[in-house]
Amino acid sequence: MKRLPHILAGTMLSVSLVSFPAFAQQAGTPVETQAPNAPDQQPAFSGQTRAPQPPEAVSIQTEVVAEGLPHLWAMEFLPDGRMLVTAKQGAMHIIGTDGTAGPEIANVPEVLADGQGGLLDVALAPDFESSGMIFFSFAEPRNDDGNGTSVASARLVADDQGGGALEDVNVIFRQTPGYEGNKHFGSRLAFGPEGELYVTVGERSDAEPRV
């Protein structure tokens, strides 16, 4: 899945250029030196949660490519160079190569836009150029059963106004059981080398739903 390296959510999209100046701290020393948050949880091996410091730090330079956007969560580059973005409040937009945001994509399902919930990740199907299929995750309201992370497939049909619609929307995964909370929905999507779709889900933060 390809993404812009840096997104300033809610205001603009920016691209990032990186350079690698020398890093003062000795390479190989742990990045994190504070005590673990959960001292009773033991790592599988010594240093498991203490990644070593890289030998060189990354310097980031940003360039704004689009402004005035809603609170964005994720994006994918379309084959023609435009960007398909998801907005937390439940909207999808196509961003033109000139940085102009098209109108909202029609037929996006209802989302729970509360706390950390909303319209979340998006991924193009490996055969997107021929099928037009996309997959997206969202915090789904479930009436009396709380809410949860769900994943849907749909066919993206673009129009000549910079927008378009989702067709054949189908929920293919629901995290169960539902829970009446608004945190830790997880929700990254990635395709494997054989076309399998990987989905991350959260533990919903509160102690009650954790297993």
Protein backbone atom coordinates (compact mmCIF):
# COMPACT_ATOMS: atom_id res chain seq x y z
CA MET A 1 0.00 0.00 0.00
CA LYS A 2 1.53 3.32 -0.99
CA ARG A 3 1.02 6.44 1.11
CA LEU A 4 2.36 9.91 1.34
CA PRO A 5 5.08 9.76 3.98
CA HIS A 6 3.56 12.63 5.99
CA ILE A 7 -0.04 13.79 6.40
CA LEU A 8 -1.12 16.81 8.44
CA ALA A 9 -4.61 15.59 9.31
CA GLY A 10 -7.50 17.97 8.96
CA THR A 11 -5.67 20.73 7.11
CA MET A 12 -3.38 19.68 4.30
CA LEU A 13 -1.51 16.92 2.52
CA SER A 14 2.25 17.13 2.27
CA VAL A 15 4.95 15.11 0.58
CA SER A 16 8.21 14.44 2.38
CA LEU A 17 11.80 14.34 1.25
CA VAL A 18 14.27 12.62 3.54
CA SER A 19 17.96 13.01 4.13
CA PHE A 20 20.22 11.24 6.58
CA PRO A 21 22.60 13.42 8.62
CA ALA A 22 24.92 11.81 11.11
CA PHE A 23 23.21 10.93 14.39
CA ALA A 24 24.91 11.92 17.62
CA GLN A 25 23.77 9.00 19.77
CA GLN A 26 25.72 5.79 19.42
CA ALA A 27 24.09 3.31 17.06
CA GLY A 28 22.71 0.19 18.67
CA THR A 29 21.60 1.81 21.93
CA PRO A 30 17.89 1.42 22.76
CA VAL A 31 15.56 4.19 21.65
CA GLU A 32 13.32 3.70 24.70
CA THR A 33 14.97 3.69 28.11
CA GLN A 34 12.00 4.26 30.42
CA ALA A 35 10.50 1.48 32.52
CA PRO A 36 7.84 -0.66 30.78
CA ASN A 37 4.23 0.51 31.09
CA ALA A 38 3.14 -2.99 32.13
CA PRO A 39 5.95 -4.40 34.32
CA ASP A 40 4.06 -7.67 34.86
CA GLN A 41 4.10 -8.46 31.13
CA GLN A 42 7.40 -10.10 30.31
CA PRO A 43 8.94 -9.90 26.80
CA ALA A 44 9.55 -13.12 24.90
CA PHE A 45 13.28 -12.34 24.85
CA SER A 46 15.56 -9.69 26.28
CA GLY A 47 15.26 -6.39 24.42
CA GLN A 48 12.12 -7.41 22.50
CA THR A 49 10.49 -4.03 23.10
CA ARG A 50 13.71 -2.01 23.01
CA ALA A 51 14.56 -1.48 19.35
CA PRO A 52 18.12 -0.26 18.73
CA GLN A 53 18.78 3.29 17.61
CA PRO A 54 19.46 3.60 13.86
CA PRO A 55 22.99 4.75 12.98
CA GLU A 56 21.61 7.84 11.18
CA ALA A 57 18.62 10.04 11.93
CA VAL A 58 16.07 11.00 9.31
CA SER A 59 15.59 14.66 8.43
CA ILE A 60 12.17 15.40 6.94
CA GLN A 61 11.32 18.22 4.54
CA THR A 62 7.67 18.72 3.62
CA GLU A 63 5.90 20.25 0.65
CA VAL A 64 2.18 21.03 0.80
CA VAL A 65 0.29 19.52 -2.15
CA ALA A 66 -3.34 20.06 -1.04
CA GLU A 67 -5.01 22.31 1.52
CA GLY A 68 -8.44 22.87 3.05
CA LEU A 69 -9.12 19.16 3.48
CA PRO A 70 -11.23 17.46 6.17
CA HIS A 71 -9.75 15.33 8.97
CA LEU A 72 -8.00 12.68 6.87
CA TRP A 73 -7.19 9.17 8.04
CA ALA A 74 -5.69 7.32 5.06
CA MET A 75 -4.90 7.56 1.38
CA GLU A 76 -3.97 5.52 -1.68
CA PHE A 77 -2.49 6.60 -4.99
CA LEU A 78 -4.73 5.75 -7.94
CA PRO A 79 -3.08 4.46 -11.15
CA ASP A 80 -3.50 7.87 -12.82
CA GLY A 81 -1.58 9.66 -10.06
CA ARG A 82 -4.58 11.06 -8.19
CA MET A 83 -5.14 10.21 -4.52
CA LEU A 84 -8.12 8.48 -2.93
CA VAL A 85 -8.42 9.70 0.67
CA THR A 86 -10.66 8.81 3.59
CA ALA A 87 -11.92 11.44 6.01
CA LYS A 88 -12.64 10.47 9.60
CA GLN A 89 -16.16 11.90 9.61
CA GLY A 90 -17.23 9.42 6.92
CA ALA A 91 -16.32 10.82 3.51
CA MET A 92 -14.08 9.77 0.65
CA HIS A 93 -12.57 12.21 -1.82
CA ILE A 94 -10.36 12.00 -4.88
CA ILE A 95 -7.54 14.55 -4.79
CA GLY A 96 -6.47 15.66 -8.26
CA THR A 97 -2.84 15.93 -9.32
CA ASP A 98 -3.20 19.70 -8.91
CA GLY A 99 -4.24 19.29 -5.25
CA THR A 100 -7.94 19.98 -5.86
CA ALA A 101 -10.34 17.86 -3.80
CA GLY A 102 -13.31 16.45 -5.71
CA PRO A 103 -16.83 16.17 -4.25
CA GLU A 104 -17.64 13.44 -1.74
CA ILE A 105 -17.78 9.92 -3.15
CA ALA A 106 -21.40 8.73 -2.94
CA ASN A 107 -22.69 5.62 -1.12
CA VAL A 108 -20.11 5.45 1.68
CA PRO A 109 -21.74 3.50 4.55
CA GLU A 110 -22.68 5.18 7.82
CA VAL A 111 -19.74 5.36 10.23
CA LEU A 112 -19.35 6.02 13.95
CA ALA A 113 -17.41 9.31 13.80
CA ASP A 114 -16.76 9.53 17.53
CA GLY A 115 -13.54 9.49 19.52
CA GLN A 116 -11.05 7.44 17.50
CA GLY A 117 -13.79 5.99 15.31
CA GLY A 118 -14.75 7.01 11.80
CA LEU A 119 -13.95 6.09 8.22
CA LEU A 120 -10.51 4.55 8.51
CA ASP A 121 -8.12 2.82 6.10
CA VAL A 122 -8.49 2.17 2.37
CA ALA A 123 -6.66 -0.20 0.01
CA LEU A 124 -6.89 -0.77 -3.72
CA ALA A 125 -7.42 -4.35 -4.84
CA PRO A 126 -4.34 -5.83 -6.55
CA ASP A 127 -6.37 -5.89 -9.80
CA PHE A 128 -7.84 -2.41 -9.28
CA GLU A 129 -6.98 -1.21 -12.80
CA SER A 130 -9.31 -3.81 -14.30
CA SER A 131 -11.82 -4.37 -11.47
CA GLY A 132 -12.10 -0.94 -9.83
CA MET A 133 -12.41 -2.72 -6.47
CA ILE A 134 -11.38 -1.08 -3.22
CA PHE A 135 -11.47 -2.23 0.40
CA PHE A 136 -11.98 0.09 3.34
CA SER A 137 -12.36 -0.18 7.10
CA PHE A 138 -14.61 1.85 9.37
CA ALA A 139 -16.08 2.06 12.85
CA GLU A 140 -19.54 0.63 12.26
CA PRO A 141 -22.52 1.59 14.47
CA ARG A 142 -24.54 -1.52 15.32
CA ASN A 143 -27.67 -0.24 17.08
CA ASP A 144 -28.18 -2.23 20.30
CA ASP A 145 -24.93 -4.18 19.80
CA GLY A 146 -22.59 -1.24 20.26
CA ASN A 147 -20.07 -0.75 17.48
CA GLY A 148 -16.97 -2.35 16.02
CA THR A 149 -14.39 -2.37 13.27
CA SER A 150 -15.76 -3.56 9.94
CA VAL A 151 -14.25 -3.96 6.48
CA ALA A 152 -16.18 -3.53 3.24
CA SER A 153 -15.44 -4.05 -0.43
CA ALA A 154 -16.85 -1.85 -3.18
CA ARG A 155 -16.31 -0.84 -6.77
CA LEU A 156 -15.12 2.73 -7.19
CA VAL A 157 -16.76 4.36 -10.20
CA ALA A 158 -15.23 7.78 -10.86
CA ASP A 159 -17.04 10.51 -12.78
CA ASP A 160 -15.82 13.43 -14.87
CA GLN A 161 -16.42 15.93 -12.04
CA GLY A 162 -13.58 14.65 -9.86
CA GLY A 163 -15.91 12.57 -7.71
CA GLY A 164 -17.81 9.34 -8.20
CA ALA A 165 -19.66 6.64 -6.29
CA LEU A 166 -19.18 3.31 -4.57
CA GLU A 167 -21.14 0.45 -6.11
CA ASP A 168 -21.76 -3.10 -4.85
CA VAL A 169 -20.78 -2.19 -1.28
CA ASN A 170 -20.44 -5.38 0.76
CA VAL A 171 -19.26 -5.77 4.37
CA ILE A 172 -16.86 -8.71 4.34
CA PHE A 173 -15.64 -8.62 7.95
CA ARG A 174 -17.07 -7.55 11.32
CA GLN A 175 -15.11 -7.53 14.56
CA THR A 176 -17.26 -9.26 17.18
CA PRO A 177 -18.66 -8.90 19.72
CA GLY A 178 -19.69 -5.26 19.40
CA TYR A 179 -18.79 -2.86 22.19
CA GLU A 180 -20.10 0.55 23.27
CA GLY A 181 -16.78 2.41 23.15
CA ASN A 182 -15.00 4.93 20.94
CA LYS A 183 -11.32 4.00 21.09
CA HIS A 184 -8.74 1.60 19.61
CA PHE A 185 -10.40 0.40 16.41
CA GLY A 186 -7.08 -0.63 14.85
CA SER A 187 -7.77 -0.80 11.15
CA ARG A 188 -4.79 -0.94 8.86
CA LEU A 189 -5.31 -2.89 5.62
CA ALA A 190 -2.57 -4.50 3.53
CA PHE A 191 -2.53 -7.07 0.74
CA GLY A 192 -0.09 -9.97 0.86
CA PRO A 193 1.88 -11.38 -2.07
CA GLU A 194 -0.84 -13.90 -2.95
CA GLY A 195 -3.71 -11.42 -2.80
CA GLU A 196 -4.74 -12.10 0.80
CA LEU A 197 -6.04 -9.10 2.75
CA TYR A 198 -4.60 -8.47 6.20
CA VAL A 199 -6.67 -6.44 8.69
CA THR A 200 -5.56 -5.07 12.04
CA VAL A 201 -8.09 -4.59 14.83
CA GLY A 202 -7.78 -2.93 18.23
CA GLU A 203 -8.48 -4.23 21.71
CA ARG A 204 -10.94 -1.31 22.25
CA SER A 205 -8.82 0.22 25.05
CA ASP A 206 -11.11 -0.46 28.02
CA ALA A 207 -10.42 -3.37 30.37
CA GLU A 208 -13.86 -4.95 29.88
CA PRO A 209 -13.53 -6.11 26.24
CA ARG A 210 -9.88 -7.16 26.45
CA VAL A 211 -9.16 -10.88 26.23
